[in-house]
Amino acid sequence: MSYDLSKLPISNLLRPISEAGSALTRLDERIARSPVGEGFVERSHFTDACASLWIDGELVHLEDLVLHDATKDIRTPTHELTIARDVLRTRRRIAAQPAGWALSPEGLRGQAWPAPSSGGDGSVVSEARAEAAHDDDFGSGEDRAERNTNVFDEEFAAIDAVLA
């Protein structure tokens, strides 16, 4: 069944849409002022974490997520359960920040990167000059990759020694 949007009576829908928006605003304010508001928000974090995995086709039981968050698991956590806990932590982190933080560069990346740096005269340093300065301080990309490989070799050797 298809609908022709040009025949949809928008004027009849404007009032219900406006009333729904007002009701949601009032609900948000009532939750913020309610003595049980914090619990309501926390419960919504749990349900939204489960729902976000459900959208991806994964089933995580709310009870299992609550027990896993409290480190009181009654069975071995599944991969989906650990993902749901990560979603839960992310929601809590976003809720603890000021409004608009999640869409700021700090919220999206943890820091503003690549951040333009200013030179001594206040001018913005070009990206090529900033990358060259970064290479001078930390070595070129190949040098960094070689150092990382050496670090991993040492770690793997330590694991092999424990297994032996």
N, C-alpha and C. Protein backbone atom coordinates (compact mmCIF):
# COMPACT_ATOMS: atom_id res chain seq x y z
N MET A 1 0.85 -1.18 0.00
CA MET A 1 0.00 0.00 0.00
C MET A 1 0.90 1.24 0.00
N SER A 2 0.65 2.16 -0.91
CA SER A 2 1.45 3.38 -0.94
C SER A 2 0.54 4.58 -0.66
N TYR A 3 1.16 5.58 -0.11
CA TYR A 3 0.43 6.79 0.24
C TYR A 3 0.93 7.93 -0.62
N ASP A 4 0.01 8.76 -1.02
CA ASP A 4 0.37 9.95 -1.78
C ASP A 4 0.47 11.10 -0.78
N LEU A 5 1.69 11.55 -0.53
CA LEU A 5 1.92 12.59 0.48
C LEU A 5 1.29 13.91 0.09
N SER A 6 1.08 14.14 -1.20
CA SER A 6 0.47 15.41 -1.61
C SER A 6 -1.00 15.47 -1.19
N LYS A 7 -1.64 14.32 -0.96
CA LYS A 7 -3.04 14.29 -0.55
C LYS A 7 -3.21 14.23 0.96
N LEU A 8 -2.09 14.19 1.72
CA LEU A 8 -2.14 14.11 3.18
C LEU A 8 -2.62 15.45 3.75
N PRO A 9 -3.63 15.44 4.61
CA PRO A 9 -4.17 16.70 5.15
C PRO A 9 -3.27 17.25 6.26
N ILE A 10 -2.23 17.96 5.90
CA ILE A 10 -1.27 18.49 6.86
C ILE A 10 -1.96 19.42 7.86
N SER A 11 -2.90 20.22 7.43
CA SER A 11 -3.56 21.15 8.35
C SER A 11 -4.28 20.41 9.47
N ASN A 12 -4.76 19.19 9.20
CA ASN A 12 -5.41 18.42 10.25
C ASN A 12 -4.41 17.82 11.23
N LEU A 13 -3.15 17.67 10.82
CA LEU A 13 -2.14 17.05 11.67
C LEU A 13 -1.34 18.05 12.49
N LEU A 14 -1.38 19.33 12.14
CA LEU A 14 -0.56 20.32 12.84
C LEU A 14 -0.90 20.43 14.32
N ARG A 15 -2.17 20.46 14.65
CA ARG A 15 -2.57 20.58 16.06
C ARG A 15 -2.13 19.36 16.88
N PRO A 16 -2.39 18.11 16.44
CA PRO A 16 -1.91 16.96 17.22
C PRO A 16 -0.38 16.93 17.36
N ILE A 17 0.33 17.34 16.33
CA ILE A 17 1.79 17.37 16.42
C ILE A 17 2.23 18.39 17.46
N SER A 18 1.62 19.55 17.46
CA SER A 18 1.95 20.59 18.44
C SER A 18 1.63 20.14 19.86
N GLU A 19 0.48 19.49 20.05
CA GLU A 19 0.10 19.00 21.37
C GLU A 19 1.05 17.90 21.85
N ALA A 20 1.50 17.04 20.94
CA ALA A 20 2.44 15.99 21.32
C ALA A 20 3.78 16.59 21.74
N GLY A 21 4.24 17.62 21.02
CA GLY A 21 5.48 18.30 21.40
C GLY A 21 5.37 18.96 22.76
N SER A 22 4.25 19.59 23.02
CA SER A 22 4.04 20.23 24.33
C SER A 22 3.99 19.20 25.45
N ALA A 23 3.34 18.07 25.19
CA ALA A 23 3.25 17.02 26.21
C ALA A 23 4.63 16.45 26.51
N LEU A 24 5.47 16.27 25.49
CA LEU A 24 6.82 15.77 25.72
C LEU A 24 7.66 16.77 26.52
N THR A 25 7.49 18.04 26.22
CA THR A 25 8.21 19.08 26.98
C THR A 25 7.78 19.07 28.43
N ARG A 26 6.48 18.98 28.65
CA ARG A 26 5.99 18.94 30.03
C ARG A 26 6.48 17.69 30.75
N LEU A 27 6.51 16.55 30.05
CA LEU A 27 7.01 15.31 30.66
C LEU A 27 8.47 15.47 31.05
N ASP A 28 9.26 16.06 30.18
CA ASP A 28 10.68 16.27 30.47
C ASP A 28 10.85 17.14 31.72
N GLU A 29 10.09 18.19 31.83
CA GLU A 29 10.17 19.07 33.01
C GLU A 29 9.66 18.36 34.26
N ARG A 30 8.61 17.57 34.14
CA ARG A 30 8.10 16.85 35.30
C ARG A 30 9.11 15.82 35.79
N ILE A 31 9.79 15.16 34.87
CA ILE A 31 10.81 14.18 35.25
C ILE A 31 11.97 14.88 35.95
N ALA A 32 12.38 16.03 35.43
CA ALA A 32 13.51 16.76 36.02
C ALA A 32 13.21 17.20 37.45
N ARG A 33 11.95 17.51 37.74
CA ARG A 33 11.58 18.01 39.08
C ARG A 33 11.07 16.91 40.02
N SER A 34 10.87 15.73 39.51
CA SER A 34 10.30 14.64 40.29
C SER A 34 11.34 14.01 41.21
N PRO A 35 10.91 13.56 42.39
CA PRO A 35 11.86 12.86 43.27
C PRO A 35 12.31 11.51 42.70
N VAL A 36 11.54 10.95 41.78
CA VAL A 36 11.92 9.69 41.15
C VAL A 36 12.45 9.91 39.73
N GLY A 37 12.71 11.15 39.39
CA GLY A 37 13.17 11.47 38.04
C GLY A 37 14.49 10.83 37.69
N GLU A 38 15.42 10.79 38.63
CA GLU A 38 16.73 10.19 38.37
C GLU A 38 16.59 8.69 38.06
N GLY A 39 15.72 8.03 38.78
CA GLY A 39 15.47 6.61 38.52
C GLY A 39 14.80 6.38 37.18
N PHE A 40 13.90 7.29 36.81
CA PHE A 40 13.24 7.20 35.51
C PHE A 40 14.25 7.34 34.38
N VAL A 41 15.15 8.29 34.52
CA VAL A 41 16.18 8.51 33.50
C VAL A 41 17.11 7.30 33.42
N GLU A 42 17.50 6.77 34.57
CA GLU A 42 18.38 5.60 34.59
C GLU A 42 17.70 4.40 33.94
N ARG A 43 16.43 4.21 34.22
CA ARG A 43 15.69 3.11 33.60
C ARG A 43 15.61 3.30 32.08
N SER A 44 15.44 4.54 31.65
CA SER A 44 15.39 4.78 30.21
C SER A 44 16.73 4.51 29.55
N HIS A 45 17.84 4.73 30.26
CA HIS A 45 19.16 4.38 29.73
C HIS A 45 19.24 2.88 29.47
N PHE A 46 18.78 2.08 30.42
CA PHE A 46 18.82 0.63 30.27
C PHE A 46 17.94 0.17 29.11
N THR A 47 16.71 0.68 29.04
CA THR A 47 15.81 0.24 27.98
C THR A 47 16.31 0.69 26.61
N ASP A 48 16.87 1.88 26.52
CA ASP A 48 17.40 2.34 25.24
C ASP A 48 18.64 1.56 24.82
N ALA A 49 19.46 1.14 25.76
CA ALA A 49 20.63 0.32 25.43
C ALA A 49 20.17 -1.02 24.86
N CYS A 50 19.16 -1.63 25.47
CA CYS A 50 18.63 -2.89 24.94
C CYS A 50 17.96 -2.67 23.58
N ALA A 51 17.24 -1.57 23.44
CA ALA A 51 16.55 -1.28 22.18
C ALA A 51 17.53 -1.01 21.05
N SER A 52 18.65 -0.37 21.35
CA SER A 52 19.62 -0.08 20.29
C SER A 52 20.21 -1.36 19.72
N LEU A 53 20.38 -2.38 20.54
CA LEU A 53 20.87 -3.65 20.02
C LEU A 53 19.75 -4.42 19.32
N TRP A 54 18.53 -4.23 19.78
CA TRP A 54 17.40 -4.90 19.14
C TRP A 54 17.25 -4.40 17.70
N ILE A 55 17.51 -3.11 17.47
CA ILE A 55 17.46 -2.55 16.12
C ILE A 55 18.47 -3.26 15.22
N ASP A 56 19.62 -3.64 15.79
CA ASP A 56 20.65 -4.36 15.03
C ASP A 56 20.36 -5.85 14.93
N GLY A 57 19.25 -6.30 15.49
CA GLY A 57 18.88 -7.70 15.41
C GLY A 57 19.43 -8.56 16.53
N GLU A 58 19.95 -7.94 17.57
CA GLU A 58 20.50 -8.68 18.71
C GLU A 58 19.56 -8.54 19.89
N LEU A 59 19.38 -9.63 20.63
CA LEU A 59 18.48 -9.61 21.78
C LEU A 59 19.30 -9.59 23.06
N VAL A 60 19.10 -8.56 23.85
CA VAL A 60 19.72 -8.46 25.17
C VAL A 60 18.58 -8.25 26.16
N HIS A 61 18.49 -9.14 27.14
CA HIS A 61 17.43 -9.02 28.15
C HIS A 61 17.78 -7.90 29.11
N LEU A 62 16.79 -7.11 29.45
CA LEU A 62 16.98 -6.00 30.37
C LEU A 62 17.52 -6.47 31.71
N GLU A 63 17.00 -7.57 32.20
CA GLU A 63 17.46 -8.10 33.49
C GLU A 63 18.94 -8.48 33.45
N ASP A 64 19.37 -9.08 32.34
CA ASP A 64 20.79 -9.45 32.20
C ASP A 64 21.68 -8.21 32.18
N LEU A 65 21.21 -7.16 31.51
CA LEU A 65 21.99 -5.92 31.46
C LEU A 65 22.10 -5.28 32.83
N VAL A 66 21.02 -5.29 33.58
CA VAL A 66 21.04 -4.73 34.93
C VAL A 66 22.02 -5.50 35.81
N LEU A 67 21.96 -6.83 35.76
CA LEU A 67 22.87 -7.65 36.56
C LEU A 67 24.32 -7.48 36.11
N HIS A 68 24.54 -7.39 34.80
CA HIS A 68 25.90 -7.22 34.29
C HIS A 68 26.47 -5.86 34.70
N ASP A 69 25.63 -4.84 34.68
CA ASP A 69 26.08 -3.51 35.09
C ASP A 69 26.45 -3.49 36.57
N ALA A 70 25.75 -4.27 37.36
CA ALA A 70 26.03 -4.34 38.80
C ALA A 70 27.10 -5.38 39.13
N THR A 71 27.72 -5.95 38.09
CA THR A 71 28.72 -7.03 38.21
C THR A 71 28.19 -8.20 39.05
N LYS A 72 26.94 -8.54 38.84
CA LYS A 72 26.29 -9.66 39.53
C LYS A 72 25.75 -10.65 38.50
N ASP A 73 26.53 -10.92 37.46
CA ASP A 73 26.08 -11.80 36.38
C ASP A 73 25.75 -13.19 36.93
N ILE A 74 24.67 -13.78 36.39
CA ILE A 74 24.30 -15.13 36.80
C ILE A 74 24.76 -16.15 35.76
N ARG A 75 25.24 -15.67 34.61
CA ARG A 75 25.83 -16.52 33.57
C ARG A 75 26.90 -15.72 32.84
N THR A 76 27.64 -16.41 32.01
CA THR A 76 28.73 -15.75 31.28
C THR A 76 28.15 -14.69 30.35
N PRO A 77 28.67 -13.45 30.40
CA PRO A 77 28.16 -12.38 29.54
C PRO A 77 28.42 -12.69 28.06
N THR A 78 27.45 -12.39 27.24
CA THR A 78 27.59 -12.57 25.80
C THR A 78 28.23 -11.32 25.20
N HIS A 79 28.64 -11.45 23.95
CA HIS A 79 29.23 -10.31 23.25
C HIS A 79 28.21 -9.18 23.14
N GLU A 80 26.97 -9.53 22.87
CA GLU A 80 25.91 -8.52 22.75
C GLU A 80 25.69 -7.80 24.07
N LEU A 81 25.80 -8.52 25.17
CA LEU A 81 25.62 -7.92 26.49
C LEU A 81 26.72 -6.90 26.79
N THR A 82 27.94 -7.22 26.41
CA THR A 82 29.02 -6.26 26.63
C THR A 82 28.86 -5.03 25.74
N ILE A 83 28.35 -5.21 24.54
CA ILE A 83 28.08 -4.06 23.67
C ILE A 83 26.98 -3.20 24.29
N ALA A 84 25.94 -3.84 24.82
CA ALA A 84 24.85 -3.09 25.45
C ALA A 84 25.36 -2.31 26.65
N ARG A 85 26.30 -2.88 27.41
CA ARG A 85 26.85 -2.15 28.55
C ARG A 85 27.66 -0.94 28.07
N ASP A 86 28.37 -1.08 26.95
CA ASP A 86 29.09 0.06 26.39
C ASP A 86 28.11 1.17 25.97
N VAL A 87 26.99 0.77 25.37
CA VAL A 87 25.96 1.75 25.00
C VAL A 87 25.43 2.43 26.25
N LEU A 88 25.21 1.65 27.30
CA LEU A 88 24.71 2.19 28.57
C LEU A 88 25.70 3.21 29.14
N ARG A 89 26.97 2.87 29.16
CA ARG A 89 27.99 3.80 29.67
C ARG A 89 28.04 5.07 28.84
N THR A 90 27.92 4.92 27.51
CA THR A 90 27.95 6.10 26.64
C THR A 90 26.76 7.00 26.92
N ARG A 91 25.58 6.41 27.10
CA ARG A 91 24.40 7.22 27.41
C ARG A 91 24.57 7.96 28.73
N ARG A 92 25.13 7.28 29.73
CA ARG A 92 25.36 7.93 31.02
C ARG A 92 26.36 9.07 30.88
N ARG A 93 27.39 8.84 30.09
CA ARG A 93 28.41 9.88 29.90
C ARG A 93 27.81 11.10 29.21
N ILE A 94 26.99 10.88 28.21
CA ILE A 94 26.35 11.99 27.50
C ILE A 94 25.40 12.73 28.44
N ALA A 95 24.64 11.99 29.25
CA ALA A 95 23.68 12.62 30.16
C ALA A 95 24.38 13.44 31.24
N ALA A 96 25.61 13.08 31.60
CA ALA A 96 26.33 13.80 32.65
C ALA A 96 26.96 15.09 32.15
N GLN A 97 27.00 15.30 30.84
CA GLN A 97 27.63 16.49 30.26
C GLN A 97 26.59 17.58 30.02
N PRO A 98 27.05 18.80 29.79
CA PRO A 98 26.11 19.88 29.48
C PRO A 98 25.42 19.65 28.14
N ALA A 99 24.28 20.31 27.96
CA ALA A 99 23.52 20.16 26.73
C ALA A 99 24.37 20.57 25.53
N GLY A 100 24.28 19.81 24.46
CA GLY A 100 25.03 20.11 23.25
C GLY A 100 26.42 19.51 23.22
N TRP A 101 26.88 18.93 24.33
CA TRP A 101 28.23 18.40 24.39
C TRP A 101 28.43 17.24 23.42
N ALA A 102 27.44 16.38 23.27
CA ALA A 102 27.59 15.18 22.45
C ALA A 102 27.88 15.50 20.99
N LEU A 103 27.41 16.64 20.50
CA LEU A 103 27.64 17.01 19.11
C LEU A 103 28.79 17.98 18.95
N SER A 104 29.47 18.31 20.03
CA SER A 104 30.65 19.17 19.94
C SER A 104 31.85 18.34 19.53
N PRO A 105 32.92 18.97 19.07
CA PRO A 105 34.12 18.20 18.71
C PRO A 105 34.65 17.37 19.87
N GLU A 106 34.58 17.88 21.09
CA GLU A 106 35.04 17.12 22.25
C GLU A 106 34.17 15.89 22.48
N GLY A 107 32.88 16.03 22.29
CA GLY A 107 31.98 14.91 22.49
C GLY A 107 32.08 13.87 21.39
N LEU A 108 32.32 14.32 20.16
CA LEU A 108 32.41 13.38 19.04
C LEU A 108 33.72 12.62 19.03
N ARG A 109 34.80 13.28 19.41
CA ARG A 109 36.10 12.64 19.31
C ARG A 109 36.85 12.56 20.63
N GLY A 110 36.36 13.19 21.65
CA GLY A 110 37.11 13.25 22.89
C GLY A 110 38.05 14.44 22.92
N GLN A 111 38.34 14.99 21.77
CA GLN A 111 39.16 16.19 21.65
C GLN A 111 38.90 16.77 20.27
N ALA A 112 39.24 18.02 20.08
CA ALA A 112 39.10 18.63 18.77
C ALA A 112 40.31 18.24 17.95
N TRP A 113 40.17 17.32 17.01
CA TRP A 113 41.31 16.85 16.22
C TRP A 113 40.93 16.80 14.77
N PRO A 114 41.68 17.28 13.83
CA PRO A 114 42.92 17.99 14.07
C PRO A 114 42.64 19.44 14.40
N ALA A 115 43.15 19.89 15.50
CA ALA A 115 42.92 21.26 15.95
C ALA A 115 43.92 22.17 15.27
N PRO A 116 43.48 23.30 14.69
CA PRO A 116 44.44 24.22 14.12
C PRO A 116 45.24 24.87 15.24
N SER A 117 46.53 24.86 15.11
CA SER A 117 47.36 25.50 16.12
C SER A 117 47.81 26.85 15.59
N SER A 118 47.97 27.78 16.49
CA SER A 118 48.36 29.11 16.04
C SER A 118 49.85 29.30 16.24
N GLY A 119 50.42 30.03 15.33
CA GLY A 119 51.85 30.35 15.42
C GLY A 119 52.08 31.44 16.44
N GLY A 120 53.32 31.85 16.58
CA GLY A 120 53.66 32.87 17.56
C GLY A 120 53.00 34.20 17.27
N ASP A 121 52.75 34.48 15.98
CA ASP A 121 52.13 35.76 15.63
C ASP A 121 50.61 35.68 15.61
N GLY A 122 50.05 34.54 16.04
CA GLY A 122 48.60 34.39 16.09
C GLY A 122 48.03 33.81 14.82
N SER A 123 48.87 33.63 13.78
CA SER A 123 48.35 33.07 12.54
C SER A 123 48.18 31.56 12.70
N VAL A 124 47.31 31.00 11.91
CA VAL A 124 47.05 29.57 11.98
C VAL A 124 48.12 28.84 11.19
N VAL A 125 48.72 27.83 11.81
CA VAL A 125 49.76 27.06 11.16
C VAL A 125 49.11 26.10 10.18
N SER A 126 49.69 25.95 9.00
CA SER A 126 49.11 25.05 8.00
C SER A 126 49.19 23.62 8.48
N GLU A 127 48.32 22.78 7.93
CA GLU A 127 48.27 21.38 8.33
C GLU A 127 49.59 20.68 8.01
N ALA A 128 50.21 21.02 6.88
CA ALA A 128 51.49 20.39 6.51
C ALA A 128 52.58 20.76 7.51
N ARG A 129 52.62 22.04 7.93
CA ARG A 129 53.63 22.46 8.90
C ARG A 129 53.38 21.81 10.26
N ALA A 130 52.12 21.66 10.65
CA ALA A 130 51.79 21.01 11.92
C ALA A 130 52.19 19.54 11.88
N GLU A 131 51.96 18.87 10.72
CA GLU A 131 52.35 17.47 10.61
C GLU A 131 53.86 17.32 10.63
N ALA A 132 54.57 18.24 10.00
CA ALA A 132 56.03 18.19 10.01
C ALA A 132 56.56 18.37 11.43
N ALA A 133 55.96 19.29 12.18
CA ALA A 133 56.37 19.51 13.57
C ALA A 133 56.07 18.27 14.40
N HIS A 134 54.94 17.63 14.13
CA HIS A 134 54.58 16.41 14.85
C HIS A 134 55.60 15.31 14.55
N ASP A 135 56.03 15.19 13.28
CA ASP A 135 57.02 14.19 12.91
C ASP A 135 58.36 14.47 13.57
N ASP A 136 58.73 15.78 13.70
CA ASP A 136 59.99 16.11 14.35
C ASP A 136 59.97 15.67 15.81
N ASP A 137 58.82 15.85 16.47
CA ASP A 137 58.71 15.51 17.89
C ASP A 137 58.64 14.00 18.11
N PHE A 138 57.91 13.29 17.25
CA PHE A 138 57.63 11.89 17.51
C PHE A 138 58.17 10.94 16.44
N GLY A 139 58.88 11.43 15.47
CA GLY A 139 59.39 10.60 14.39
C GLY A 139 58.37 10.47 13.29
N SER A 140 58.79 9.97 12.15
CA SER A 140 57.88 9.82 11.02
C SER A 140 56.93 8.66 11.27
N GLY A 141 55.97 8.50 10.39
CA GLY A 141 54.99 7.43 10.52
C GLY A 141 55.64 6.06 10.50
N GLU A 142 56.68 5.88 9.67
CA GLU A 142 57.36 4.59 9.61
C GLU A 142 58.07 4.29 10.92
N ASP A 143 58.72 5.33 11.51
CA ASP A 143 59.41 5.13 12.79
C ASP A 143 58.43 4.74 13.89
N ARG A 144 57.28 5.41 13.91
CA ARG A 144 56.27 5.09 14.92
C ARG A 144 55.76 3.68 14.73
N ALA A 145 55.53 3.26 13.49
CA ALA A 145 55.04 1.91 13.23
C ALA A 145 56.07 0.88 13.67
N GLU A 146 57.36 1.17 13.43
CA GLU A 146 58.41 0.24 13.84
C GLU A 146 58.47 0.12 15.35
N ARG A 147 58.34 1.28 16.07
CA ARG A 147 58.35 1.24 17.53
C ARG A 147 57.17 0.45 18.05
N ASN A 148 55.98 0.64 17.45
CA ASN A 148 54.80 -0.10 17.89
C ASN A 148 54.96 -1.59 17.66
N THR A 149 55.55 -1.97 16.53
CA THR A 149 55.78 -3.38 16.25
C THR A 149 56.71 -3.98 17.30
N ASN A 150 57.77 -3.23 17.66
CA ASN A 150 58.69 -3.72 18.69
C ASN A 150 57.98 -3.90 20.02
N VAL A 151 57.09 -2.98 20.37
CA VAL A 151 56.34 -3.09 21.61
C VAL A 151 55.48 -4.34 21.59
N PHE A 152 54.82 -4.59 20.46
CA PHE A 152 53.98 -5.77 20.36
C PHE A 152 54.82 -7.05 20.40
N ASP A 153 55.99 -7.03 19.79
CA ASP A 153 56.86 -8.21 19.83
C ASP A 153 57.21 -8.57 21.27
N GLU A 154 57.51 -7.56 22.07
CA GLU A 154 57.84 -7.80 23.47
C GLU A 154 56.64 -8.36 24.22
N GLU A 155 55.47 -7.81 23.94
CA GLU A 155 54.25 -8.29 24.60
C GLU A 155 53.94 -9.73 24.22
N PHE A 156 54.07 -10.03 22.92
CA PHE A 156 53.80 -11.40 22.47
C PHE A 156 54.81 -12.37 23.05
N ALA A 157 56.06 -11.95 23.18
CA ALA A 157 57.09 -12.81 23.78
C ALA A 157 56.75 -13.10 25.24
N ALA A 158 56.25 -12.10 25.95
CA ALA A 158 55.86 -12.30 27.35
C ALA A 158 54.69 -13.27 27.45
N ILE A 159 53.74 -13.15 26.54
CA ILE A 159 52.59 -14.08 26.55
C ILE A 159 53.06 -15.50 26.23
N ASP A 160 53.97 -15.62 25.25
CA ASP A 160 54.49 -16.95 24.90
C ASP A 160 55.22 -17.57 26.08
N ALA A 161 55.95 -16.74 26.85
CA ALA A 161 56.68 -17.26 28.01
C ALA A 161 55.70 -17.77 29.08
N VAL A 162 54.60 -17.06 29.27
CA VAL A 162 53.61 -17.50 30.25
C VAL A 162 52.95 -18.80 29.80
N LEU A 163 52.65 -18.90 28.51
CA LEU A 163 52.02 -20.12 28.00
C LEU A 163 52.96 -21.32 28.05
N ALA A 164 54.25 -21.05 27.85
CA ALA A 164 55.23 -22.15 27.89
C ALA A 164 55.36 -22.65 29.33
